[in-house]
Amino acid sequence: MLYWAEGEKSRTKVAVANSDPDLLAFFAGFLREHFAVGDEAMTIYCNLFADHVQRQQAIEAFWLRSLGLTRESLRKSTVNS
């Protein structure tokens, strides 16, 4: 549903990109509740601007906390210069 506008799907995955923590938390909850997607199957990537590099760990921690995920779900962040 949400990925139609801001994401992608393939045979084995669904992805959504957004900076609204409420929208992403809703989507993660939807996947958990309606499709029994476990936290171990969810991964996140942070896309940072160069001026956010100093706060990278805090930003990553914010997203993990917002989505109820552990550090194992975090993939390497991208920094745009």
PDB file of N, CA and C in Angstrom:
ATOM      1  N   MET A   1       0.813  -1.196   0.000  1.00  0.00           N
ATOM      2  CA  MET A   1       0.000   0.000   0.000  1.00  0.00           C
ATOM      3  C   MET A   1       0.855   1.258   0.000  1.00  0.00           C
ATOM      4  N   LEU A   2       1.649   1.512   1.056  1.00  0.00           N
ATOM      5  CA  LEU A   2       2.464   2.717   1.079  1.00  0.00           C
ATOM      6  C   LEU A   2       3.578   2.681   0.050  1.00  0.00           C
ATOM      7  N   TYR A   3       4.131   1.508  -0.213  1.00  0.00           N
ATOM      8  CA  TYR A   3       5.245   1.430  -1.141  1.00  0.00           C
ATOM      9  C   TYR A   3       4.847   1.792  -2.570  1.00  0.00           C
ATOM     10  N   TRP A   4       3.565   1.806  -2.864  1.00  0.00           N
ATOM     11  CA  TRP A   4       3.146   2.189  -4.212  1.00  0.00           C
ATOM     12  C   TRP A   4       3.641   3.585  -4.561  1.00  0.00           C
ATOM     13  N   ALA A   5       3.613   4.484  -3.610  1.00  0.00           N
ATOM     14  CA  ALA A   5       3.982   5.864  -3.888  1.00  0.00           C
ATOM     15  C   ALA A   5       5.460   6.144  -3.636  1.00  0.00           C
ATOM     16  N   GLU A   6       6.055   5.454  -2.676  1.00  0.00           N
ATOM     17  CA  GLU A   6       7.405   5.815  -2.271  1.00  0.00           C
ATOM     18  C   GLU A   6       8.289   4.600  -2.049  1.00  0.00           C
ATOM     19  N   GLY A   7       8.167   3.623  -2.881  1.00  0.00           N
ATOM     20  CA  GLY A   7       8.978   2.440  -2.636  1.00  0.00           C
ATOM     21  C   GLY A   7       9.060   1.540  -3.835  1.00  0.00           C
ATOM     22  N   GLU A   8       9.352   0.308  -3.531  1.00  0.00           N
ATOM     23  CA  GLU A   8       9.488  -0.688  -4.582  1.00  0.00           C
ATOM     24  C   GLU A   8       9.119  -2.050  -4.036  1.00  0.00           C
ATOM     25  N   LYS A   9       8.860  -2.955  -4.926  1.00  0.00           N
ATOM     26  CA  LYS A   9       8.608  -4.327  -4.518  1.00  0.00           C
ATOM     27  C   LYS A   9       9.230  -5.248  -5.556  1.00  0.00           C
ATOM     28  N   SER A  10       9.551  -6.426  -5.104  1.00  0.00           N
ATOM     29  CA  SER A  10      10.025  -7.478  -5.994  1.00  0.00           C
ATOM     30  C   SER A  10       9.413  -8.768  -5.490  1.00  0.00           C
ATOM     31  N   ARG A  11       9.836  -9.840  -6.034  1.00  0.00           N
ATOM     32  CA  ARG A  11       9.262 -11.125  -5.646  1.00  0.00           C
ATOM     33  C   ARG A  11       9.525 -11.461  -4.175  1.00  0.00           C
ATOM     34  N   THR A  12      10.643 -10.982  -3.641  1.00  0.00           N
ATOM     35  CA  THR A  12      11.014 -11.364  -2.277  1.00  0.00           C
ATOM     36  C   THR A  12      11.176 -10.206  -1.300  1.00  0.00           C
ATOM     37  N   LYS A  13      10.913  -8.974  -1.745  1.00  0.00           N
ATOM     38  CA  LYS A  13      11.071  -7.862  -0.806  1.00  0.00           C
ATOM     39  C   LYS A  13      10.127  -6.726  -1.136  1.00  0.00           C
ATOM     40  N   VAL A  14       9.937  -5.893  -0.129  1.00  0.00           N
ATOM     41  CA  VAL A  14       9.191  -4.658  -0.291  1.00  0.00           C
ATOM     42  C   VAL A  14      10.019  -3.579   0.394  1.00  0.00           C
ATOM     43  N   ALA A  15      10.053  -2.396  -0.189  1.00  0.00           N
ATOM     44  CA  ALA A  15      10.856  -1.315   0.388  1.00  0.00           C
ATOM     45  C   ALA A  15      10.080  -0.016   0.326  1.00  0.00           C
ATOM     46  N   VAL A  16      10.313   0.819   1.313  1.00  0.00           N
ATOM     47  CA  VAL A  16       9.713   2.146   1.319  1.00  0.00           C
ATOM     48  C   VAL A  16      10.773   3.127   1.797  1.00  0.00           C
ATOM     49  N   ALA A  17      10.814   4.296   1.166  1.00  0.00           N
ATOM     50  CA  ALA A  17      11.769   5.337   1.551  1.00  0.00           C
ATOM     51  C   ALA A  17      10.984   6.573   1.961  1.00  0.00           C
ATOM     52  N   ASN A  18      11.306   7.088   3.141  1.00  0.00           N
ATOM     53  CA  ASN A  18      10.596   8.254   3.646  1.00  0.00           C
ATOM     54  C   ASN A  18      11.339   8.779   4.853  1.00  0.00           C
ATOM     55  N   SER A  19      11.091  10.023   5.210  1.00  0.00           N
ATOM     56  CA  SER A  19      11.736  10.603   6.391  1.00  0.00           C
ATOM     57  C   SER A  19      10.734  10.879   7.509  1.00  0.00           C
ATOM     58  N   ASP A  20       9.523  10.382   7.377  1.00  0.00           N
ATOM     59  CA  ASP A  20       8.501  10.561   8.412  1.00  0.00           C
ATOM     60  C   ASP A  20       8.508   9.343   9.331  1.00  0.00           C
ATOM     61  N   PRO A  21       8.973   9.511  10.576  1.00  0.00           N
ATOM     62  CA  PRO A  21       9.061   8.351  11.471  1.00  0.00           C
ATOM     63  C   PRO A  21       7.709   7.703  11.750  1.00  0.00           C
ATOM     64  N   ASP A  22       6.637   8.479  11.796  1.00  0.00           N
ATOM     65  CA  ASP A  22       5.318   7.904  12.049  1.00  0.00           C
ATOM     66  C   ASP A  22       4.863   7.029  10.884  1.00  0.00           C
ATOM     67  N   LEU A  23       5.104   7.485   9.669  1.00  0.00           N
ATOM     68  CA  LEU A  23       4.729   6.705   8.487  1.00  0.00           C
ATOM     69  C   LEU A  23       5.509   5.393   8.451  1.00  0.00           C
ATOM     70  N   LEU A  24       6.814   5.469   8.696  1.00  0.00           N
ATOM     71  CA  LEU A  24       7.630   4.254   8.648  1.00  0.00           C
ATOM     72  C   LEU A  24       7.292   3.302   9.782  1.00  0.00           C
ATOM     73  N   ALA A  25       7.005   3.834  10.970  1.00  0.00           N
ATOM     74  CA  ALA A  25       6.601   2.969  12.091  1.00  0.00           C
ATOM     75  C   ALA A  25       5.263   2.297  11.779  1.00  0.00           C
ATOM     76  N   PHE A  26       4.353   3.027  11.155  1.00  0.00           N
ATOM     77  CA  PHE A  26       3.071   2.446  10.752  1.00  0.00           C
ATOM     78  C   PHE A  26       3.287   1.316   9.748  1.00  0.00           C
ATOM     79  N   PHE A  27       4.143   1.558   8.769  1.00  0.00           N
ATOM     80  CA  PHE A  27       4.411   0.560   7.743  1.00  0.00           C
ATOM     81  C   PHE A  27       5.061  -0.690   8.349  1.00  0.00           C
ATOM     82  N   ALA A  28       6.030  -0.493   9.251  1.00  0.00           N
ATOM     83  CA  ALA A  28       6.671  -1.635   9.911  1.00  0.00           C
ATOM     84  C   ALA A  28       5.641  -2.415  10.728  1.00  0.00           C
ATOM     85  N   GLY A  29       4.771  -1.714  11.433  1.00  0.00           N
ATOM     86  CA  GLY A  29       3.721  -2.378  12.205  1.00  0.00           C
ATOM     87  C   GLY A  29       2.755  -3.135  11.318  1.00  0.00           C
ATOM     88  N   PHE A  30       2.421  -2.553  10.171  1.00  0.00           N
ATOM     89  CA  PHE A  30       1.549  -3.201   9.194  1.00  0.00           C
ATOM     90  C   PHE A  30       2.173  -4.517   8.718  1.00  0.00           C
ATOM     91  N   LEU A  31       3.471  -4.483   8.398  1.00  0.00           N
ATOM     92  CA  LEU A  31       4.149  -5.699   7.947  1.00  0.00           C
ATOM     93  C   LEU A  31       4.191  -6.751   9.050  1.00  0.00           C
ATOM     94  N   ARG A  32       4.434  -6.305  10.274  1.00  0.00           N
ATOM     95  CA  ARG A  32       4.478  -7.237  11.403  1.00  0.00           C
ATOM     96  C   ARG A  32       3.115  -7.881  11.632  1.00  0.00           C
ATOM     97  N   GLU A  33       2.084  -7.065  11.672  1.00  0.00           N
ATOM     98  CA  GLU A  33       0.745  -7.553  12.029  1.00  0.00           C
ATOM     99  C   GLU A  33       0.065  -8.349  10.927  1.00  0.00           C
ATOM    100  N   HIS A  34       0.125  -7.859   9.709  1.00  0.00           N
ATOM    101  CA  HIS A  34      -0.657  -8.470   8.634  1.00  0.00           C
ATOM    102  C   HIS A  34       0.106  -9.499   7.795  1.00  0.00           C
ATOM    103  N   PHE A  35       1.425  -9.453   7.851  1.00  0.00           N
ATOM    104  CA  PHE A  35       2.217 -10.390   7.052  1.00  0.00           C
ATOM    105  C   PHE A  35       3.207 -11.186   7.889  1.00  0.00           C
ATOM    106  N   ALA A  36       3.140 -11.032   9.211  1.00  0.00           N
ATOM    107  CA  ALA A  36       4.002 -11.760  10.139  1.00  0.00           C
ATOM    108  C   ALA A  36       5.485 -11.618   9.799  1.00  0.00           C
ATOM    109  N   VAL A  37       5.875 -10.424   9.364  1.00  0.00           N
ATOM    110  CA  VAL A  37       7.280 -10.155   9.076  1.00  0.00           C
ATOM    111  C   VAL A  37       7.994  -9.929  10.405  1.00  0.00           C
ATOM    112  N   GLY A  38       8.999 -10.725  10.659  1.00  0.00           N
ATOM    113  CA  GLY A  38       9.757 -10.595  11.898  1.00  0.00           C
ATOM    114  C   GLY A  38      10.793  -9.494  11.806  1.00  0.00           C
ATOM    115  N   ASP A  39      11.187  -8.986  12.950  1.00  0.00           N
ATOM    116  CA  ASP A  39      12.177  -7.912  12.983  1.00  0.00           C
ATOM    117  C   ASP A  39      13.484  -8.322  12.305  1.00  0.00           C
ATOM    118  N   GLU A  40      13.837  -9.599  12.409  1.00  0.00           N
ATOM    119  CA  GLU A  40      15.080 -10.066  11.791  1.00  0.00           C
ATOM    120  C   GLU A  40      15.042  -9.971  10.267  1.00  0.00           C
ATOM    121  N   ALA A  41      13.852  -9.853   9.687  1.00  0.00           N
ATOM    122  CA  ALA A  41      13.716  -9.732   8.233  1.00  0.00           C
ATOM    123  C   ALA A  41      13.698  -8.278   7.771  1.00  0.00           C
ATOM    124  N   MET A  42      13.681  -7.345   8.722  1.00  0.00           N
ATOM    125  CA  MET A  42      13.631  -5.919   8.366  1.00  0.00           C
ATOM    126  C   MET A  42      15.024  -5.322   8.429  1.00  0.00           C
ATOM    127  N   THR A  43      15.350  -4.538   7.427  1.00  0.00           N
ATOM    128  CA  THR A  43      16.625  -3.824   7.401  1.00  0.00           C
ATOM    129  C   THR A  43      16.370  -2.358   7.121  1.00  0.00           C
ATOM    130  N   ILE A  44      17.250  -1.515   7.650  1.00  0.00           N
ATOM    131  CA  ILE A  44      17.125  -0.089   7.372  1.00  0.00           C
ATOM    132  C   ILE A  44      18.474   0.459   6.922  1.00  0.00           C
ATOM    133  N   TYR A  45      18.389   1.464   6.088  1.00  0.00           N
ATOM    134  CA  TYR A  45      19.532   2.210   5.593  1.00  0.00           C
ATOM    135  C   TYR A  45      19.261   3.678   5.871  1.00  0.00           C
ATOM    136  N   CYS A  46      20.247   4.389   6.367  1.00  0.00           N
ATOM    137  CA  CYS A  46      20.109   5.828   6.569  1.00  0.00           C
ATOM    138  C   CYS A  46      20.855   6.544   5.457  1.00  0.00           C
ATOM    139  N   ASN A  47      20.223   7.554   4.891  1.00  0.00           N
ATOM    140  CA  ASN A  47      20.825   8.373   3.861  1.00  0.00           C
ATOM    141  C   ASN A  47      21.078   9.742   4.496  1.00  0.00           C
ATOM    142  N   LEU A  48      22.334  10.051   4.760  1.00  0.00           N
ATOM    143  CA  LEU A  48      22.692  11.254   5.500  1.00  0.00           C
ATOM    144  C   LEU A  48      23.292  12.315   4.586  1.00  0.00           C
ATOM    145  N   PHE A  49      23.071  13.561   4.949  1.00  0.00           N
ATOM    146  CA  PHE A  49      23.764  14.660   4.287  1.00  0.00           C
ATOM    147  C   PHE A  49      25.106  14.852   4.981  1.00  0.00           C
ATOM    148  N   ALA A  50      26.071  15.414   4.289  1.00  0.00           N
ATOM    149  CA  ALA A  50      27.428  15.551   4.821  1.00  0.00           C
ATOM    150  C   ALA A  50      27.453  16.285   6.157  1.00  0.00           C
ATOM    151  N   ASP A  51      26.569  17.260   6.345  1.00  0.00           N
ATOM    152  CA  ASP A  51      26.584  18.006   7.605  1.00  0.00           C
ATOM    153  C   ASP A  51      25.969  17.221   8.767  1.00  0.00           C
ATOM    154  N   HIS A  52      25.487  16.008   8.524  1.00  0.00           N
ATOM    155  CA  HIS A  52      24.936  15.158   9.585  1.00  0.00           C
ATOM    156  C   HIS A  52      25.902  14.057  10.024  1.00  0.00           C
ATOM    157  N   VAL A  53      27.060  13.972   9.409  1.00  0.00           N
ATOM    158  CA  VAL A  53      28.000  12.895   9.702  1.00  0.00           C
ATOM    159  C   VAL A  53      28.393  12.884  11.178  1.00  0.00           C
ATOM    160  N   GLN A  54      28.549  14.042  11.779  1.00  0.00           N
ATOM    161  CA  GLN A  54      28.930  14.116  13.196  1.00  0.00           C
ATOM    162  C   GLN A  54      27.883  13.454  14.084  1.00  0.00           C
ATOM    163  N   ARG A  55      26.635  13.434  13.635  1.00  0.00           N
ATOM    164  CA  ARG A  55      25.530  12.882  14.423  1.00  0.00           C
ATOM    165  C   ARG A  55      25.057  11.530  13.892  1.00  0.00           C
ATOM    166  N   GLN A  56      25.855  10.885  13.079  1.00  0.00           N
ATOM    167  CA  GLN A  56      25.424   9.652  12.421  1.00  0.00           C
ATOM    168  C   GLN A  56      24.924   8.603  13.409  1.00  0.00           C
ATOM    169  N   GLN A  57      25.672   8.340  14.471  1.00  0.00           N
ATOM    170  CA  GLN A  57      25.247   7.309  15.424  1.00  0.00           C
ATOM    171  C   GLN A  57      23.931   7.684  16.099  1.00  0.00           C
ATOM    172  N   ALA A  58      23.749   8.949  16.428  1.00  0.00           N
ATOM    173  CA  ALA A  58      22.503   9.395  17.060  1.00  0.00           C
ATOM    174  C   ALA A  58      21.329   9.264  16.090  1.00  0.00           C
ATOM    175  N   ILE A  59      21.556   9.578  14.840  1.00  0.00           N
ATOM    176  CA  ILE A  59      20.499   9.466  13.821  1.00  0.00           C
ATOM    177  C   ILE A  59      20.117   8.003  13.618  1.00  0.00           C
ATOM    178  N   GLU A  60      21.113   7.144  13.498  1.00  0.00           N
ATOM    179  CA  GLU A  60      20.838   5.718  13.334  1.00  0.00           C
ATOM    180  C   GLU A  60      20.078   5.167  14.545  1.00  0.00           C
ATOM    181  N   ALA A  61      20.490   5.573  15.740  1.00  0.00           N
ATOM    182  CA  ALA A  61      19.808   5.121  16.963  1.00  0.00           C
ATOM    183  C   ALA A  61      18.362   5.607  16.991  1.00  0.00           C
ATOM    184  N   PHE A  62      18.122   6.836  16.539  1.00  0.00           N
ATOM    185  CA  PHE A  62      16.760   7.368  16.472  1.00  0.00           C
ATOM    186  C   PHE A  62      15.873   6.484  15.605  1.00  0.00           C
ATOM    187  N   TRP A  63      16.369   6.122  14.419  1.00  0.00           N
ATOM    188  CA  TRP A  63      15.556   5.322  13.509  1.00  0.00           C
ATOM    189  C   TRP A  63      15.338   3.907  14.034  1.00  0.00           C
ATOM    190  N   LEU A  64      16.342   3.324  14.608  1.00  0.00           N
ATOM    191  CA  LEU A  64      16.169   1.993  15.192  1.00  0.00           C
ATOM    192  C   LEU A  64      15.128   2.021  16.309  1.00  0.00           C
ATOM    193  N   ARG A  65      15.222   3.019  17.166  1.00  0.00           N
ATOM    194  CA  ARG A  65      14.257   3.167  18.270  1.00  0.00           C
ATOM    195  C   ARG A  65      12.853   3.429  17.727  1.00  0.00           C
ATOM    196  N   SER A  66      12.735   4.307  16.742  1.00  0.00           N
ATOM    197  CA  SER A  66      11.432   4.654  16.163  1.00  0.00           C
ATOM    198  C   SER A  66      10.736   3.451  15.535  1.00  0.00           C
ATOM    199  N   LEU A  67      11.526   2.549  14.982  1.00  0.00           N
ATOM    200  CA  LEU A  67      10.963   1.384  14.301  1.00  0.00           C
ATOM    201  C   LEU A  67      10.968   0.132  15.167  1.00  0.00           C
ATOM    202  N   GLY A  68      11.483   0.248  16.377  1.00  0.00           N
ATOM    203  CA  GLY A  68      11.501  -0.900  17.280  1.00  0.00           C
ATOM    204  C   GLY A  68      12.426  -2.006  16.811  1.00  0.00           C
ATOM    205  N   LEU A  69      13.554  -1.633  16.221  1.00  0.00           N
ATOM    206  CA  LEU A  69      14.492  -2.610  15.684  1.00  0.00           C
ATOM    207  C   LEU A  69      15.808  -2.565  16.447  1.00  0.00           C
ATOM    208  N   THR A  70      16.583  -3.625  16.317  1.00  0.00           N
ATOM    209  CA  THR A  70      17.899  -3.684  16.954  1.00  0.00           C
ATOM    210  C   THR A  70      18.971  -3.301  15.937  1.00  0.00           C
ATOM    211  N   ARG A  71      20.198  -3.145  16.424  1.00  0.00           N
ATOM    212  CA  ARG A  71      21.322  -2.760  15.548  1.00  0.00           C
ATOM    213  C   ARG A  71      21.580  -3.773  14.434  1.00  0.00           C
ATOM    214  N   GLU A  72      21.153  -5.003  14.640  1.00  0.00           N
ATOM    215  CA  GLU A  72      21.342  -6.016  13.597  1.00  0.00           C
ATOM    216  C   GLU A  72      20.559  -5.669  12.328  1.00  0.00           C
ATOM    217  N   SER A  73      19.542  -4.838  12.442  1.00  0.00           N
ATOM    218  CA  SER A  73      18.738  -4.450  11.285  1.00  0.00           C
ATOM    219  C   SER A  73      19.368  -3.308  10.491  1.00  0.00           C
ATOM    220  N   LEU A  74      20.363  -2.652  11.067  1.00  0.00           N
ATOM    221  CA  LEU A  74      20.972  -1.484  10.436  1.00  0.00           C
ATOM    222  C   LEU A  74      22.013  -1.901   9.410  1.00  0.00           C
ATOM    223  N   ARG A  75      21.911  -1.343   8.229  1.00  0.00           N
ATOM    224  CA  ARG A  75      22.904  -1.543   7.179  1.00  0.00           C
ATOM    225  C   ARG A  75      23.737  -0.278   7.060  1.00  0.00           C
ATOM    226  N   LYS A  76      24.796  -0.331   6.289  1.00  0.00           N
ATOM    227  CA  LYS A  76      25.717   0.796   6.169  1.00  0.00           C
ATOM    228  C   LYS A  76      24.984   2.039   5.658  1.00  0.00           C
ATOM    229  N   SER A  77      25.184   3.138   6.366  1.00  0.00           N
ATOM    230  CA  SER A  77      24.575   4.407   5.969  1.00  0.00           C
ATOM    231  C   SER A  77      25.315   5.003   4.779  1.00  0.00           C
ATOM    232  N   THR A  78      24.595   5.780   3.995  1.00  0.00           N
ATOM    233  CA  THR A  78      25.147   6.490   2.867  1.00  0.00           C
ATOM    234  C   THR A  78      25.265   7.961   3.218  1.00  0.00           C
ATOM    235  N   VAL A  79      26.378   8.576   2.866  1.00  0.00           N
ATOM    236  CA  VAL A  79      26.566  10.005   3.112  1.00  0.00           C
ATOM    237  C   VAL A  79      26.648  10.719   1.767  1.00  0.00           C
ATOM    238  N   ASN A  80      25.745  11.678   1.571  1.00  0.00           N
ATOM    239  CA  ASN A  80      25.741  12.493   0.360  1.00  0.00           C
ATOM    240  C   ASN A  80      26.574  13.730   0.606  1.00  0.00           C
ATOM    241  N   SER A  81      27.488  14.002  -0.278  1.00  0.00           N
ATOM    242  CA  SER A  81      28.349  15.185  -0.089  1.00  0.00           C
ATOM    243  C   SER A  81      27.830  16.376  -0.857  1.00  0.00           C
TER     244      SER A  81
END
